[in-house]
Amino acid sequence: TPANVTALTLVGCLISFILPPKEAVLAFIVYLLLGAV
């Protein structure tokens, strides 16, 4: 498959359990924007 197995899943869960929902979504959007640029 073109997909990779990453540690992002673990860190994503950590972010979800630490941050409130708005901040968690915003953190992932900023991450995607960093990669997009």
PDB file of all heavy atoms in Angstrom:
ATOM      1  N   THR A   1       0.843  -1.189   0.000  1.00  0.00           N
ATOM      2  CA  THR A   1       0.000   0.000   0.000  1.00  0.00           C
ATOM      3  C   THR A   1       0.886   1.249   0.000  1.00  0.00           C
ATOM      4  O   THR A   1       2.023   1.196   0.460  1.00  0.00           O
ATOM      5  CB  THR A   1      -0.938   0.002   1.225  1.00  0.00           C
ATOM      6  OG1 THR A   1      -1.756   1.160   1.201  1.00  0.00           O
ATOM      7  CG2 THR A   1      -0.181  -0.039   2.520  1.00  0.00           C
ATOM      8  N   PRO A   2       0.363   2.370  -0.487  1.00  0.00           N
ATOM      9  CA  PRO A   2       1.163   3.596  -0.431  1.00  0.00           C
ATOM     10  C   PRO A   2       1.230   4.227   0.959  1.00  0.00           C
ATOM     11  O   PRO A   2       2.006   5.140   1.192  1.00  0.00           O
ATOM     12  CB  PRO A   2       0.450   4.531  -1.411  1.00  0.00           C
ATOM     13  CG  PRO A   2      -0.929   4.029  -1.497  1.00  0.00           C
ATOM     14  CD  PRO A   2      -0.853   2.551  -1.267  1.00  0.00           C
ATOM     15  N   ALA A   3       0.423   3.747   1.890  1.00  0.00           N
ATOM     16  CA  ALA A   3       0.399   4.304   3.244  1.00  0.00           C
ATOM     17  C   ALA A   3       1.532   3.730   4.086  1.00  0.00           C
ATOM     18  O   ALA A   3       2.007   2.619   3.846  1.00  0.00           O
ATOM     19  CB  ALA A   3      -0.939   4.004   3.904  1.00  0.00           C
ATOM     20  N   ASN A   4       1.955   4.501   5.068  1.00  0.00           N
ATOM     21  CA  ASN A   4       3.006   4.074   5.993  1.00  0.00           C
ATOM     22  C   ASN A   4       2.409   3.861   7.376  1.00  0.00           C
ATOM     23  O   ASN A   4       1.411   4.478   7.736  1.00  0.00           O
ATOM     24  CB  ASN A   4       4.096   5.150   6.100  1.00  0.00           C
ATOM     25  CG  ASN A   4       4.792   5.383   4.799  1.00  0.00           C
ATOM     26  OD1 ASN A   4       5.090   4.449   4.075  1.00  0.00           O
ATOM     27  ND2 ASN A   4       5.049   6.639   4.493  1.00  0.00           N
ATOM     28  N   VAL A   5       3.051   3.020   8.156  1.00  0.00           N
ATOM     29  CA  VAL A   5       2.707   2.876   9.562  1.00  0.00           C
ATOM     30  C   VAL A   5       3.553   3.892  10.314  1.00  0.00           C
ATOM     31  O   VAL A   5       4.776   3.891  10.195  1.00  0.00           O
ATOM     32  CB  VAL A   5       2.993   1.450  10.065  1.00  0.00           C
ATOM     33  CG1 VAL A   5       2.730   1.341  11.548  1.00  0.00           C
ATOM     34  CG2 VAL A   5       2.157   0.447   9.303  1.00  0.00           C
ATOM     35  N   THR A   6       2.909   4.781  11.055  1.00  0.00           N
ATOM     36  CA  THR A   6       3.640   5.851  11.733  1.00  0.00           C
ATOM     37  C   THR A   6       3.270   5.901  13.205  1.00  0.00           C
ATOM     38  O   THR A   6       2.301   5.282  13.646  1.00  0.00           O
ATOM     39  CB  THR A   6       3.318   7.225  11.120  1.00  0.00           C
ATOM     40  OG1 THR A   6       1.960   7.542  11.393  1.00  0.00           O
ATOM     41  CG2 THR A   6       3.560   7.245   9.630  1.00  0.00           C
ATOM     42  N   ALA A   7       4.032   6.690  13.939  1.00  0.00           N
ATOM     43  CA  ALA A   7       3.736   6.934  15.348  1.00  0.00           C
ATOM     44  C   ALA A   7       2.744   8.097  15.508  1.00  0.00           C
ATOM     45  O   ALA A   7       2.455   8.495  16.629  1.00  0.00           O
ATOM     46  CB  ALA A   7       5.015   7.230  16.112  1.00  0.00           C
ATOM     47  N   LEU A   8       2.237   8.608  14.404  1.00  0.00           N
ATOM     48  CA  LEU A   8       1.285   9.718  14.461  1.00  0.00           C
ATOM     49  C   LEU A   8      -0.006   9.335  15.188  1.00  0.00           C
ATOM     50  O   LEU A   8      -0.634  10.176  15.820  1.00  0.00           O
ATOM     51  CB  LEU A   8       0.945  10.201  13.050  1.00  0.00           C
ATOM     52  CG  LEU A   8       2.007  11.031  12.359  1.00  0.00           C
ATOM     53  CD1 LEU A   8       1.695  11.152  10.877  1.00  0.00           C
ATOM     54  CD2 LEU A   8       2.101  12.388  12.981  1.00  0.00           C
ATOM     55  N   THR A   9      -0.400   8.093  15.083  1.00  0.00           N
ATOM     56  CA  THR A   9      -1.623   7.650  15.745  1.00  0.00           C
ATOM     57  C   THR A   9      -1.511   7.807  17.256  1.00  0.00           C
ATOM     58  O   THR A   9      -2.429   8.305  17.908  1.00  0.00           O
ATOM     59  CB  THR A   9      -1.917   6.182  15.393  1.00  0.00           C
ATOM     60  OG1 THR A   9      -1.945   6.057  13.974  1.00  0.00           O
ATOM     61  CG2 THR A   9      -3.229   5.729  15.973  1.00  0.00           C
ATOM     62  N   LEU A  10      -0.398   7.397  17.795  1.00  0.00           N
ATOM     63  CA  LEU A  10      -0.176   7.509  19.238  1.00  0.00           C
ATOM     64  C   LEU A  10      -0.155   8.971  19.675  1.00  0.00           C
ATOM     65  O   LEU A  10      -0.798   9.351  20.655  1.00  0.00           O
ATOM     66  CB  LEU A  10       1.133   6.817  19.616  1.00  0.00           C
ATOM     67  CG  LEU A  10       1.532   6.864  21.079  1.00  0.00           C
ATOM     68  CD1 LEU A  10       0.541   6.087  21.916  1.00  0.00           C
ATOM     69  CD2 LEU A  10       2.925   6.306  21.254  1.00  0.00           C
ATOM     70  N   VAL A  11       0.557   9.801  18.940  1.00  0.00           N
ATOM     71  CA  VAL A  11       0.653  11.220  19.289  1.00  0.00           C
ATOM     72  C   VAL A  11      -0.692  11.917  19.064  1.00  0.00           C
ATOM     73  O   VAL A  11      -1.074  12.806  19.816  1.00  0.00           O
ATOM     74  CB  VAL A  11       1.787  11.900  18.505  1.00  0.00           C
ATOM     75  CG1 VAL A  11       1.811  13.391  18.746  1.00  0.00           C
ATOM     76  CG2 VAL A  11       3.110  11.282  18.886  1.00  0.00           C
ATOM     77  N   GLY A  12      -1.431  11.499  18.034  1.00  0.00           N
ATOM     78  CA  GLY A  12      -2.769  12.060  17.809  1.00  0.00           C
ATOM     79  C   GLY A  12      -3.693  11.792  18.982  1.00  0.00           C
ATOM     80  O   GLY A  12      -4.441  12.684  19.414  1.00  0.00           O
ATOM     81  N   CYS A  13      -3.649  10.587  19.517  1.00  0.00           N
ATOM     82  CA  CYS A  13      -4.460  10.277  20.699  1.00  0.00           C
ATOM     83  C   CYS A  13      -3.999  11.091  21.901  1.00  0.00           C
ATOM     84  O   CYS A  13      -4.826  11.582  22.673  1.00  0.00           O
ATOM     85  CB  CYS A  13      -4.398   8.785  21.000  1.00  0.00           C
ATOM     86  SG  CYS A  13      -5.255   7.770  19.807  1.00  0.00           S
ATOM     87  N   LEU A  14      -2.705  11.247  22.050  1.00  0.00           N
ATOM     88  CA  LEU A  14      -2.174  12.066  23.148  1.00  0.00           C
ATOM     89  C   LEU A  14      -2.681  13.498  23.040  1.00  0.00           C
ATOM     90  O   LEU A  14      -3.121  14.085  24.033  1.00  0.00           O
ATOM     91  CB  LEU A  14      -0.647  12.028  23.118  1.00  0.00           C
ATOM     92  CG  LEU A  14       0.076  12.876  24.156  1.00  0.00           C
ATOM     93  CD1 LEU A  14      -0.109  12.268  25.534  1.00  0.00           C
ATOM     94  CD2 LEU A  14       1.540  12.997  23.810  1.00  0.00           C
ATOM     95  N   ILE A  15      -2.647  14.055  21.843  1.00  0.00           N
ATOM     96  CA  ILE A  15      -3.141  15.416  21.639  1.00  0.00           C
ATOM     97  C   ILE A  15      -4.624  15.502  21.972  1.00  0.00           C
ATOM     98  O   ILE A  15      -5.077  16.451  22.612  1.00  0.00           O
ATOM     99  CB  ILE A  15      -2.872  15.863  20.188  1.00  0.00           C
ATOM    100  CG1 ILE A  15      -1.383  16.118  20.002  1.00  0.00           C
ATOM    101  CG2 ILE A  15      -3.678  17.094  19.816  1.00  0.00           C
ATOM    102  CD1 ILE A  15      -0.983  16.374  18.573  1.00  0.00           C
ATOM    103  N   SER A  16      -5.393  14.511  21.551  1.00  0.00           N
ATOM    104  CA  SER A  16      -6.834  14.521  21.820  1.00  0.00           C
ATOM    105  C   SER A  16      -7.148  14.453  23.303  1.00  0.00           C
ATOM    106  O   SER A  16      -8.139  15.012  23.749  1.00  0.00           O
ATOM    107  CB  SER A  16      -7.511  13.352  21.107  1.00  0.00           C
ATOM    108  OG  SER A  16      -7.371  13.489  19.729  1.00  0.00           O
ATOM    109  N   PHE A  17      -6.327  13.739  24.051  1.00  0.00           N
ATOM    110  CA  PHE A  17      -6.595  13.603  25.479  1.00  0.00           C
ATOM    111  C   PHE A  17      -6.061  14.777  26.291  1.00  0.00           C
ATOM    112  O   PHE A  17      -6.497  15.004  27.406  1.00  0.00           O
ATOM    113  CB  PHE A  17      -6.033  12.291  26.003  1.00  0.00           C
ATOM    114  CG  PHE A  17      -6.721  11.089  25.424  1.00  0.00           C
ATOM    115  CD1 PHE A  17      -6.001  10.009  24.972  1.00  0.00           C
ATOM    116  CD2 PHE A  17      -8.096  11.041  25.301  1.00  0.00           C
ATOM    117  CE1 PHE A  17      -6.635   8.902  24.436  1.00  0.00           C
ATOM    118  CE2 PHE A  17      -8.739   9.942  24.766  1.00  0.00           C
ATOM    119  CZ  PHE A  17      -8.003   8.870  24.326  1.00  0.00           C
ATOM    120  N   ILE A  18      -5.117  15.541  25.734  1.00  0.00           N
ATOM    121  CA  ILE A  18      -4.574  16.686  26.451  1.00  0.00           C
ATOM    122  C   ILE A  18      -5.335  17.968  26.138  1.00  0.00           C
ATOM    123  O   ILE A  18      -5.654  18.744  27.031  1.00  0.00           O
ATOM    124  CB  ILE A  18      -3.073  16.857  26.121  1.00  0.00           C
ATOM    125  CG1 ILE A  18      -2.272  15.712  26.731  1.00  0.00           C
ATOM    126  CG2 ILE A  18      -2.556  18.190  26.632  1.00  0.00           C
ATOM    127  CD1 ILE A  18      -0.802  15.735  26.364  1.00  0.00           C
ATOM    128  N   LEU A  19      -5.626  18.190  24.856  1.00  0.00           N
ATOM    129  CA  LEU A  19      -6.225  19.449  24.434  1.00  0.00           C
ATOM    130  C   LEU A  19      -7.752  19.371  24.375  1.00  0.00           C
ATOM    131  O   LEU A  19      -8.307  18.300  24.127  1.00  0.00           O
ATOM    132  CB  LEU A  19      -5.704  19.839  23.045  1.00  0.00           C
ATOM    133  CG  LEU A  19      -4.215  20.112  22.916  1.00  0.00           C
ATOM    134  CD1 LEU A  19      -3.871  20.410  21.466  1.00  0.00           C
ATOM    135  CD2 LEU A  19      -3.793  21.250  23.809  1.00  0.00           C
ATOM    136  N   PRO A  20      -8.421  20.501  24.552  1.00  0.00           N
ATOM    137  CA  PRO A  20      -9.864  20.531  24.299  1.00  0.00           C
ATOM    138  C   PRO A  20     -10.127  20.389  22.800  1.00  0.00           C
ATOM    139  O   PRO A  20      -9.221  20.558  21.981  1.00  0.00           O
ATOM    140  CB  PRO A  20     -10.301  21.903  24.822  1.00  0.00           C
ATOM    141  CG  PRO A  20      -9.081  22.670  25.086  1.00  0.00           C
ATOM    142  CD  PRO A  20      -7.920  21.752  25.112  1.00  0.00           C
ATOM    143  N   PRO A  21     -11.374  20.072  22.421  1.00  0.00           N
ATOM    144  CA  PRO A  21     -11.670  19.764  21.009  1.00  0.00           C
ATOM    145  C   PRO A  21     -11.249  20.837  20.010  1.00  0.00           C
ATOM    146  O   PRO A  21     -10.645  20.517  18.984  1.00  0.00           O
ATOM    147  CB  PRO A  21     -13.189  19.566  20.997  1.00  0.00           C
ATOM    148  CG  PRO A  21     -13.538  19.175  22.387  1.00  0.00           C
ATOM    149  CD  PRO A  21     -12.558  19.859  23.272  1.00  0.00           C
ATOM    150  N   LYS A  22     -11.540  22.102  20.271  1.00  0.00           N
ATOM    151  CA  LYS A  22     -11.180  23.154  19.314  1.00  0.00           C
ATOM    152  C   LYS A  22      -9.672  23.221  19.105  1.00  0.00           C
ATOM    153  O   LYS A  22      -9.187  23.352  17.984  1.00  0.00           O
ATOM    154  CB  LYS A  22     -11.668  24.521  19.803  1.00  0.00           C
ATOM    155  CG  LYS A  22     -13.092  24.815  19.503  1.00  0.00           C
ATOM    156  CD  LYS A  22     -13.389  26.249  19.937  1.00  0.00           C
ATOM    157  CE  LYS A  22     -14.835  26.592  19.728  1.00  0.00           C
ATOM    158  NZ  LYS A  22     -15.132  27.965  20.160  1.00  0.00           N
ATOM    159  N   GLU A  23      -8.925  23.145  20.186  1.00  0.00           N
ATOM    160  CA  GLU A  23      -7.473  23.226  20.084  1.00  0.00           C
ATOM    161  C   GLU A  23      -6.887  21.986  19.417  1.00  0.00           C
ATOM    162  O   GLU A  23      -5.901  22.079  18.689  1.00  0.00           O
ATOM    163  CB  GLU A  23      -6.856  23.429  21.463  1.00  0.00           C
ATOM    164  CG  GLU A  23      -7.182  24.779  22.072  1.00  0.00           C
ATOM    165  CD  GLU A  23      -6.622  24.944  23.474  1.00  0.00           C
ATOM    166  OE1 GLU A  23      -5.766  24.137  23.883  1.00  0.00           O
ATOM    167  OE2 GLU A  23      -7.056  25.881  24.156  1.00  0.00           O
ATOM    168  N   ALA A  24      -7.485  20.820  19.653  1.00  0.00           N
ATOM    169  CA  ALA A  24      -6.999  19.594  19.016  1.00  0.00           C
ATOM    170  C   ALA A  24      -7.185  19.679  17.503  1.00  0.00           C
ATOM    171  O   ALA A  24      -6.276  19.357  16.730  1.00  0.00           O
ATOM    172  CB  ALA A  24      -7.724  18.382  19.586  1.00  0.00           C
ATOM    173  N   VAL A  25      -8.354  20.121  17.064  1.00  0.00           N
ATOM    174  CA  VAL A  25      -8.609  20.261  15.630  1.00  0.00           C
ATOM    175  C   VAL A  25      -7.660  21.294  15.036  1.00  0.00           C
ATOM    176  O   VAL A  25      -7.079  21.083  13.966  1.00  0.00           O
ATOM    177  CB  VAL A  25     -10.086  20.623  15.379  1.00  0.00           C
ATOM    178  CG1 VAL A  25     -10.317  21.015  13.934  1.00  0.00           C
ATOM    179  CG2 VAL A  25     -10.998  19.476  15.763  1.00  0.00           C
ATOM    180  N   LEU A  26      -7.485  22.398  15.726  1.00  0.00           N
ATOM    181  CA  LEU A  26      -6.597  23.450  15.240  1.00  0.00           C
ATOM    182  C   LEU A  26      -5.151  22.962  15.146  1.00  0.00           C
ATOM    183  O   LEU A  26      -4.429  23.298  14.195  1.00  0.00           O
ATOM    184  CB  LEU A  26      -6.696  24.679  16.146  1.00  0.00           C
ATOM    185  CG  LEU A  26      -5.964  25.922  15.682  1.00  0.00           C
ATOM    186  CD1 LEU A  26      -6.480  26.379  14.326  1.00  0.00           C
ATOM    187  CD2 LEU A  26      -6.123  27.027  16.707  1.00  0.00           C
ATOM    188  N   ALA A  27      -4.721  22.155  16.094  1.00  0.00           N
ATOM    189  CA  ALA A  27      -3.357  21.619  16.057  1.00  0.00           C
ATOM    190  C   ALA A  27      -3.146  20.754  14.819  1.00  0.00           C
ATOM    191  O   ALA A  27      -2.105  20.856  14.149  1.00  0.00           O
ATOM    192  CB  ALA A  27      -3.071  20.809  17.322  1.00  0.00           C
ATOM    193  N   PHE A  28      -4.121  19.931  14.477  1.00  0.00           N
ATOM    194  CA  PHE A  28      -3.988  19.090  13.289  1.00  0.00           C
ATOM    195  C   PHE A  28      -4.069  19.913  12.008  1.00  0.00           C
ATOM    196  O   PHE A  28      -3.378  19.612  11.028  1.00  0.00           O
ATOM    197  CB  PHE A  28      -5.036  17.978  13.288  1.00  0.00           C
ATOM    198  CG  PHE A  28      -4.622  16.808  14.116  1.00  0.00           C
ATOM    199  CD1 PHE A  28      -5.085  16.662  15.406  1.00  0.00           C
ATOM    200  CD2 PHE A  28      -3.742  15.859  13.622  1.00  0.00           C
ATOM    201  CE1 PHE A  28      -4.689  15.595  16.182  1.00  0.00           C
ATOM    202  CE2 PHE A  28      -3.345  14.795  14.389  1.00  0.00           C
ATOM    203  CZ  PHE A  28      -3.818  14.653  15.669  1.00  0.00           C
ATOM    204  N   ILE A  29      -4.880  20.944  11.994  1.00  0.00           N
ATOM    205  CA  ILE A  29      -4.958  21.807  10.813  1.00  0.00           C
ATOM    206  C   ILE A  29      -3.633  22.537  10.608  1.00  0.00           C
ATOM    207  O   ILE A  29      -3.137  22.648   9.481  1.00  0.00           O
ATOM    208  CB  ILE A  29      -6.150  22.781  10.932  1.00  0.00           C
ATOM    209  CG1 ILE A  29      -7.462  22.000  10.805  1.00  0.00           C
ATOM    210  CG2 ILE A  29      -6.068  23.882   9.886  1.00  0.00           C
ATOM    211  CD1 ILE A  29      -8.705  22.812  11.078  1.00  0.00           C
ATOM    212  N   VAL A  30      -3.029  23.026  11.684  1.00  0.00           N
ATOM    213  CA  VAL A  30      -1.726  23.686  11.568  1.00  0.00           C
ATOM    214  C   VAL A  30      -0.677  22.694  11.078  1.00  0.00           C
ATOM    215  O   VAL A  30       0.163  23.035  10.227  1.00  0.00           O
ATOM    216  CB  VAL A  30      -1.319  24.327  12.911  1.00  0.00           C
ATOM    217  CG1 VAL A  30       0.135  24.757  12.904  1.00  0.00           C
ATOM    218  CG2 VAL A  30      -2.228  25.494  13.236  1.00  0.00           C
ATOM    219  N   TYR A  31      -0.722  21.468  11.563  1.00  0.00           N
ATOM    220  CA  TYR A  31       0.222  20.436  11.103  1.00  0.00           C
ATOM    221  C   TYR A  31       0.064  20.203   9.602  1.00  0.00           C
ATOM    222  O   TYR A  31       1.055  20.124   8.869  1.00  0.00           O
ATOM    223  CB  TYR A  31      -0.005  19.141  11.889  1.00  0.00           C
ATOM    224  CG  TYR A  31       0.753  17.963  11.343  1.00  0.00           C
ATOM    225  CD1 TYR A  31       2.126  17.867  11.502  1.00  0.00           C
ATOM    226  CD2 TYR A  31       0.101  16.948  10.654  1.00  0.00           C
ATOM    227  CE1 TYR A  31       2.832  16.790  10.994  1.00  0.00           C
ATOM    228  CE2 TYR A  31       0.791  15.876  10.149  1.00  0.00           C
ATOM    229  CZ  TYR A  31       2.154  15.792  10.316  1.00  0.00           C
ATOM    230  OH  TYR A  31       2.843  14.736   9.808  1.00  0.00           O
ATOM    231  N   LEU A  32      -1.182  20.102   9.132  1.00  0.00           N
ATOM    232  CA  LEU A  32      -1.417  19.897   7.704  1.00  0.00           C
ATOM    233  C   LEU A  32      -0.960  21.103   6.885  1.00  0.00           C
ATOM    234  O   LEU A  32      -0.411  20.946   5.792  1.00  0.00           O
ATOM    235  CB  LEU A  32      -2.898  19.605   7.445  1.00  0.00           C
ATOM    236  CG  LEU A  32      -3.424  18.286   8.000  1.00  0.00           C
ATOM    237  CD1 LEU A  32      -4.916  18.157   7.740  1.00  0.00           C
ATOM    238  CD2 LEU A  32      -2.666  17.112   7.416  1.00  0.00           C
ATOM    239  N   LEU A  33      -1.165  22.294   7.410  1.00  0.00           N
ATOM    240  CA  LEU A  33      -0.714  23.494   6.708  1.00  0.00           C
ATOM    241  C   LEU A  33       0.809  23.563   6.640  1.00  0.00           C
ATOM    242  O   LEU A  33       1.371  24.002   5.632  1.00  0.00           O
ATOM    243  CB  LEU A  33      -1.272  24.748   7.377  1.00  0.00           C
ATOM    244  CG  LEU A  33      -2.769  24.993   7.181  1.00  0.00           C
ATOM    245  CD1 LEU A  33      -3.227  26.187   8.008  1.00  0.00           C
ATOM    246  CD2 LEU A  33      -3.096  25.193   5.717  1.00  0.00           C
ATOM    247  N   LEU A  34       1.483  23.148   7.702  1.00  0.00           N
ATOM    248  CA  LEU A  34       2.950  23.111   7.686  1.00  0.00           C
ATOM    249  C   LEU A  34       3.456  22.191   6.574  1.00  0.00           C
ATOM    250  O   LEU A  34       4.404  22.519   5.861  1.00  0.00           O
ATOM    251  CB  LEU A  34       3.499  22.649   9.036  1.00  0.00           C
ATOM    252  CG  LEU A  34       3.430  23.626  10.195  1.00  0.00           C
ATOM    253  CD1 LEU A  34       3.852  22.935  11.484  1.00  0.00           C
ATOM    254  CD2 LEU A  34       4.293  24.833   9.927  1.00  0.00           C
ATOM    255  N   GLY A  35       2.824  21.052   6.439  1.00  0.00           N
ATOM    256  CA  GLY A  35       3.209  20.127   5.373  1.00  0.00           C
ATOM    257  C   GLY A  35       2.827  20.638   3.998  1.00  0.00           C
ATOM    258  O   GLY A  35       3.544  20.432   3.023  1.00  0.00           O
ATOM    259  N   ALA A  36       1.697  21.330   3.903  1.00  0.00           N
ATOM    260  CA  ALA A  36       1.236  21.827   2.612  1.00  0.00           C
ATOM    261  C   ALA A  36       2.160  22.907   2.048  1.00  0.00           C
ATOM    262  O   ALA A  36       2.341  22.991   0.837  1.00  0.00           O
ATOM    263  CB  ALA A  36      -0.184  22.368   2.736  1.00  0.00           C
ATOM    264  N   VAL A  37       2.745  23.725   2.912  1.00  0.00           N
ATOM    265  CA  VAL A  37       3.626  24.785   2.427  1.00  0.00           C
ATOM    266  C   VAL A  37       5.032  24.281   2.112  1.00  0.00           C
ATOM    267  O   VAL A  37       5.856  25.048   1.628  1.00  0.00           O
ATOM    268  CB  VAL A  37       3.699  25.981   3.406  1.00  0.00           C
ATOM    269  CG1 VAL A  37       2.357  26.623   3.568  1.00  0.00           C
ATOM    270  CG2 VAL A  37       4.302  25.586   4.725  1.00  0.00           C
TER     271      VAL A  37
END
